[in-house]
Each structure stands twice: as structure tokens, then as C-alpha cells.
């Protein structure tokens, strides 16, 4: 499968192909989220000795933009929590971009494509 988008002079892709493209973007976003949750949980379990459930809660709250539930107590935990919070903010923006890109491209492509040109 090619990740190249159609150019300005090309006809917009059919709806079924667009849906497949969007599903691929959703799959990438879900996979990245699962990896991010796993890495965050591992860090909280290792540095803060939280249970996997508490680690998941903290990671989910950070990735969702709410902030941690358990304040970090150890020096390593504080550093990890700080870096993970910075990562979570950028991750949120990246996932939003991954999900918005195919929709925004389709809207802009339909707006700019002129059927008379081709």
C-alpha cells in the first residue's frame, strides 16, 4: 500500500479507498497509543514502584491531557514523570495530526481540484 497522496491535478480517490486510507491512519494512531501506554506503564512501575493498574491510570491521564494521579516521590520518578508529561503533550498533537491529515487532505483536494483541467 502506498502512503502517497494524490496530487493537485489528479482526481480525488473513491470513497472506499479514502475509508481504507483513514483506517490505516487510525491503526497507526492506535498502535502508537498502545506503545506509548506500555512504555509509560513500564516507567511508572520501574521508577515509582506503582502497581500496573495505578501505572496505567497515570499514563492514561497524562496521555489524555489531565495530568498524573500519583505525584512522583523518587528522583528518578520525578524525572521520568516530567519527560513523559512533555512526551504526552507532543504525542497528543502528533496523533491528532495523524487522524486529521487524510480528512483535511480530502477536503482541500476537492476544493482545489478542477475537473475541467484534466
Foldseek 3Di string as FASTA:
>chain_A
DDPDADDLADDHDDPVVLVVNLVVLVVVLVVVLVVLLVVQLVQCCVQQVDDSVLSSQQSVCLLVPNHGDDDGDDPSSNVSRVVSSVVSVVSNVVSVCSNCVSVVCSVVSVVRHDPVVD
